[in-house]
Protein backbone atom coordinates (compact mmCIF):
# COMPACT_ATOMS: atom_id res chain seq x y z
CA MET A 1 -0.14 0.08 0.07
CA ASP A 2 1.18 3.44 -0.86
CA ALA A 3 0.90 6.37 2.22
CA THR A 4 -2.99 7.34 1.54
CA ALA A 5 -3.78 4.05 1.50
CA TRP A 6 -2.10 3.74 5.30
CA PHE A 7 -2.83 7.06 6.68
CA GLU A 8 -6.55 5.82 5.72
CA ARG A 9 -5.90 2.63 7.43
CA ALA A 10 -4.91 4.78 10.56
CA LYS A 11 -7.79 7.31 10.24
CA LEU A 12 -10.51 4.74 10.48
CA ALA A 13 -8.67 2.61 13.57
CA TYR A 14 -8.30 6.33 15.46
CA GLU A 15 -12.27 6.54 14.46
CA GLU A 16 -12.69 3.21 15.77
CA GLY A 17 -10.55 4.35 18.88
CA LEU A 18 -7.72 1.69 18.72
CA PHE A 19 -4.98 4.14 18.45
CA GLU A 20 -2.01 1.72 18.96
CA ARG A 21 -2.92 -0.09 15.73
CA ALA A 22 -4.04 3.53 14.28
CA LEU A 23 -0.24 4.34 15.84
CA ASP A 24 1.19 1.95 13.80
CA ALA A 25 -0.09 2.35 10.60
CA ASN A 26 0.48 6.23 10.53
CA GLU A 27 4.45 5.10 11.09
CA ARG A 28 3.72 2.42 7.86
CA ALA A 29 2.59 5.73 6.12
CA LEU A 30 5.25 7.68 7.75
CA GLU A 31 8.31 5.37 6.41
CA LEU A 32 6.91 5.60 2.74
CA ASP A 33 6.51 9.59 2.91
CA PRO A 34 8.29 11.22 5.92
CA GLU A 35 7.77 14.41 4.71
CA TRP A 36 4.29 14.81 4.50
CA ALA A 37 3.09 17.10 7.10
CA TYR A 38 -0.49 15.54 7.98
CA LEU A 39 0.72 12.60 8.18
CA CYS A 40 3.48 13.87 11.65
CA ALA A 41 -0.53 16.02 12.31
CA GLN A 42 -1.85 12.69 12.28
CA ARG A 43 1.22 10.79 14.10
CA SER A 44 0.64 13.69 16.87
CA TRP A 45 -2.99 13.46 17.36
CA ILE A 46 -3.17 9.62 18.41
CA LEU A 47 -0.08 10.39 20.78
CA ILE A 48 -1.76 12.92 22.63
CA LEU A 49 -4.82 10.78 23.14
CA LEU A 50 -2.60 8.06 24.00
CA GLU A 51 -1.08 10.70 26.86
CA ARG A 52 2.35 10.59 25.09
CA PHE A 53 2.60 14.17 25.29
CA GLU A 54 6.87 14.88 25.07
CA GLU A 55 6.34 12.79 22.00
CA ALA A 56 3.21 14.19 20.74
CA LEU A 57 4.81 17.97 21.16
CA ALA A 58 7.93 16.77 18.63
CA LEU A 59 5.74 15.52 15.70
CA GLY A 60 3.24 18.94 15.87
CA VAL A 61 6.63 21.03 15.70
CA ARG A 62 7.72 18.41 12.74
CA ALA A 63 4.35 18.64 11.11
CA SER A 64 4.13 22.76 11.33
CA ASP A 65 8.03 22.68 9.83
CA LEU A 66 7.37 20.49 6.97
CA ASP A 67 3.79 22.49 6.44
CA SER A 68 3.19 26.33 8.65
CA GLU A 69 -0.14 26.95 7.36
CA ASN A 70 -1.37 23.10 8.60
CA PRO A 71 -3.73 24.88 11.60
CA ASP A 72 -4.09 20.90 13.38
CA ALA A 73 -0.39 21.13 13.62
CA TRP A 74 -0.16 24.22 15.27
CA ASN A 75 -3.46 23.13 17.29
CA ASN A 76 -2.01 19.85 18.45
CA GLN A 77 0.91 21.07 19.70
CA GLY A 78 -1.25 23.84 22.01
CA VAL A 79 -2.88 21.06 23.03
CA ALA A 80 0.50 18.75 24.08
CA LEU A 81 1.59 22.29 25.79
CA TRP A 82 -0.70 22.39 28.08
CA HIS A 83 -0.90 19.08 29.10
CA LEU A 84 3.26 20.11 29.79
CA ASP A 85 1.68 23.09 31.63
CA ARG A 86 3.70 25.32 29.60
CA ASP A 87 0.18 27.85 29.18
CA GLU A 88 1.71 30.60 28.04
CA GLU A 89 2.82 28.48 25.05
CA ALA A 90 -0.13 26.84 24.43
CA VAL A 91 -1.36 30.35 23.96
CA GLU A 92 0.25 31.16 21.16
CA ALA A 93 0.13 27.70 19.82
CA TYR A 94 -3.35 28.20 19.71
CA ARG A 95 -3.39 31.64 18.66
CA ARG A 96 -1.25 30.79 15.21
CA ALA A 97 -4.07 27.78 14.26
CA ILE A 98 -7.01 30.70 14.45
CA GLU A 99 -4.79 33.54 12.75
CA ILE A 100 -4.51 30.67 9.58
CA LYS A 101 -7.92 29.45 9.89
CA PRO A 102 -10.56 32.04 12.12
CA ASP A 103 -13.30 29.48 12.13
CA PHE A 104 -11.03 26.68 13.67
CA VAL A 105 -13.97 26.03 16.36
CA TRP A 106 -11.81 23.68 18.83
CA ALA A 107 -9.08 25.87 18.75
CA TRP A 108 -11.43 28.49 20.65
CA CYS A 109 -12.22 25.70 22.37
CA ASN A 110 -9.07 24.93 23.67
CA LEU A 111 -7.46 28.51 23.70
CA ASP A 112 -9.95 29.19 27.14
CA GLY A 113 -7.98 25.97 29.34
CA ALA A 114 -4.84 27.70 28.27
CA LEU A 115 -6.30 31.00 29.16
CA ILE A 116 -7.54 29.92 32.48
CA GLY A 117 -4.48 28.64 33.44
CA LEU A 118 -2.64 32.06 32.69
CA GLY A 119 -5.13 33.62 35.02
CA GLN A 120 -7.15 35.53 31.88
CA ASN A 121 -10.63 34.13 32.88
CA ASP A 122 -12.47 37.21 30.91
CA GLU A 123 -10.18 36.05 27.68
CA ALA A 124 -11.45 32.21 28.47
CA VAL A 125 -14.80 33.53 28.75
CA SER A 126 -14.76 35.30 25.59
CA ALA A 127 -12.75 32.77 23.77
CA SER A 128 -15.47 30.28 24.65
CA ASP A 129 -18.15 32.96 23.54
CA ARG A 130 -16.79 32.52 20.28
CA ALA A 131 -16.53 29.24 19.77
CA LEU A 132 -19.85 28.82 20.46
CA GLU A 133 -21.29 31.75 17.47
CA LEU A 134 -18.91 29.48 15.11
CA ALA A 135 -20.61 26.00 16.61
CA PRO A 136 -23.94 26.78 18.57
CA GLU A 137 -26.05 23.46 17.99
CA ASP A 138 -22.64 21.45 19.07
CA VAL A 139 -23.20 19.03 22.18
CA ASP A 140 -19.77 19.43 22.69
CA VAL A 141 -19.24 23.08 22.44
CA TRP A 142 -21.81 23.26 25.13
CA THR A 143 -19.80 20.61 27.11
CA GLU A 144 -16.89 22.56 27.15
CA ARG A 145 -18.73 25.75 27.91
CA CYS A 146 -19.87 23.67 31.12
CA ALA A 147 -16.26 22.76 32.04
CA MET A 148 -14.96 25.72 31.63
CA LEU A 149 -17.29 27.32 34.23
CA VAL A 150 -16.36 25.21 36.71
CA ASP A 151 -13.15 26.10 36.94
CA LEU A 152 -14.04 29.68 37.22
CA ALA A 153 -17.04 28.65 40.14
CA ARG A 154 -19.91 29.94 38.08
CA TRP A 155 -22.35 27.53 39.10
CA GLU A 156 -25.45 28.87 38.18
CA GLU A 157 -24.03 29.32 34.31
CA ALA A 158 -22.43 26.59 34.05
CA LEU A 159 -25.81 24.09 35.19
CA ALA A 160 -27.32 25.98 32.43
CA ALA A 161 -24.82 25.48 29.88
CA GLY A 162 -24.84 21.76 31.31
CA VAL A 163 -28.23 21.61 30.51
CA ARG A 164 -27.93 22.81 26.96
CA ALA A 165 -25.33 20.46 26.46
CA ARG A 166 -27.76 17.66 26.86
CA SER A 167 -30.42 19.32 25.13
CA SER A 168 -28.56 19.14 21.28
CA THR A 169 -28.71 16.44 19.25
CA ARG A 170 -25.37 17.07 17.55
CA ARG A 171 -22.35 14.52 18.65
CA THR A 172 -19.30 14.51 16.96
CA TRP A 173 -17.33 12.41 19.49
CA PRO A 174 -15.87 9.52 17.43
CA PRO A 175 -16.78 6.29 18.52
CA GLY A 176 -14.09 4.94 21.38
CA THR A 177 -13.03 8.16 22.20
CA THR A 178 -12.64 8.88 26.39
CA VAL A 179 -11.88 12.44 27.07
CA VAL A 180 -11.87 13.93 30.73
CA LYS A 181 -14.12 16.58 31.78
CA ARG A 182 -11.99 19.19 33.73
CA SER A 183 -14.17 19.58 36.35
CA GLY A 184 -12.92 16.28 37.52
CA THR A 185 -15.45 12.97 35.37
CA TRP A 186 -15.01 10.97 32.55
CA ILE A 187 -17.55 12.02 30.04
CA GLY A 188 -19.57 8.28 29.54
CA THR A 189 -17.17 6.45 32.12
CA LEU A 190 -17.03 8.30 35.26
CA LYS A 191 -13.43 8.19 36.35
CA PRO A 192 -11.77 10.32 38.59
CA TRP A 193 -9.54 12.72 37.40
CA THR A 194 -5.89 13.33 37.90
CA ARG A 195 -3.32 15.53 37.25
CA THR A 196 -1.20 12.95 35.54
CA GLY A 197 -4.36 11.77 33.26
CA VAL A 198 -5.48 13.39 30.28
CA ARG A 199 -7.04 16.39 31.18
CA SER A 200 -7.96 18.47 28.18
CA ARG A 201 -11.33 18.65 28.06
CA SER A 202 -11.43 18.38 23.97
CA ILE A 203 -7.79 16.98 22.98
CA ARG A 204 -8.86 17.14 19.41
CA SER A 205 -9.74 19.17 15.92
CA THR A 206 -12.59 19.65 14.05
CA SER A 207 -10.96 17.30 11.72
CA ARG A 208 -11.53 14.67 14.25
CA GLY A 209 -8.10 14.93 15.76
CA GLY A 210 -5.20 16.48 14.44
CA ALA A 211 -5.74 15.20 10.60
CA THR A 212 -8.19 13.29 9.27
CA SER A 213 -7.62 15.14 5.18
CA ALA A 214 -5.39 13.05 2.69
CA THR A 215 -4.71 16.13 0.76
CA ARG A 216 -1.29 17.27 0.86
C-alpha cells in the first residue's frame, strides 16, 4: 500500500478508538512519505490520545516545520503544551492555529483552558463565546462551556450550559474516544480525574484529531 492508504487505515483505526493500531498504521505511512506534514499532525494527535505528550509535541512541531500553514499542527502543539503545563506557549500555538483558520472551533475551545491557566479568565470566556458563535448546536462545545464555567466557579451558568449540552442533538466525538472534563469526571465512564491523566477537555480538532484529510 502507498502512504495515503496507510493514512486512511490509521484514520479508520482512530475513529474506532484503536489508537495503538492507528499509530502503527501511521508509522507505516511515514516510512513511505516522511515529509508529509499531515501524517506528522495525525501522529501527534494519536500520541496525545495515548497521553504521550512530549512525543506529541515533537511531532506537532515537525508538522508545522513541514507546513507552517497547517492549523492542526499548531492546535496539536497547543494541546500537548497544555498537558505539559506550558500554558503561555499553548496560548501562542492556539492563536497561530486560529490565525490560519479563524473558524477553527476546537482551537477556540482549547484556548480557553490555557487562558484560565494564565489567570486570563475574561479572555477565556471570550474564547468560549467565539466557539459557541461558530457551533451553537454542538453538544461538545456546550460541554466545553460547562467545564470552563466549573473551573471559574460560575455554578449557575455552568448548570445552564450543562442542561443545554444535554438538550443538543449534534454529537461529534468519534466512537471509542474517552475524554476527561476538567471538573473531574470522565465523559461516559465516570473515572476520577488526576493531574497526570488526560486533563484536556477537548483534545481534538474539528477535523477529528489533528489530520484526517489526505490532502497534501
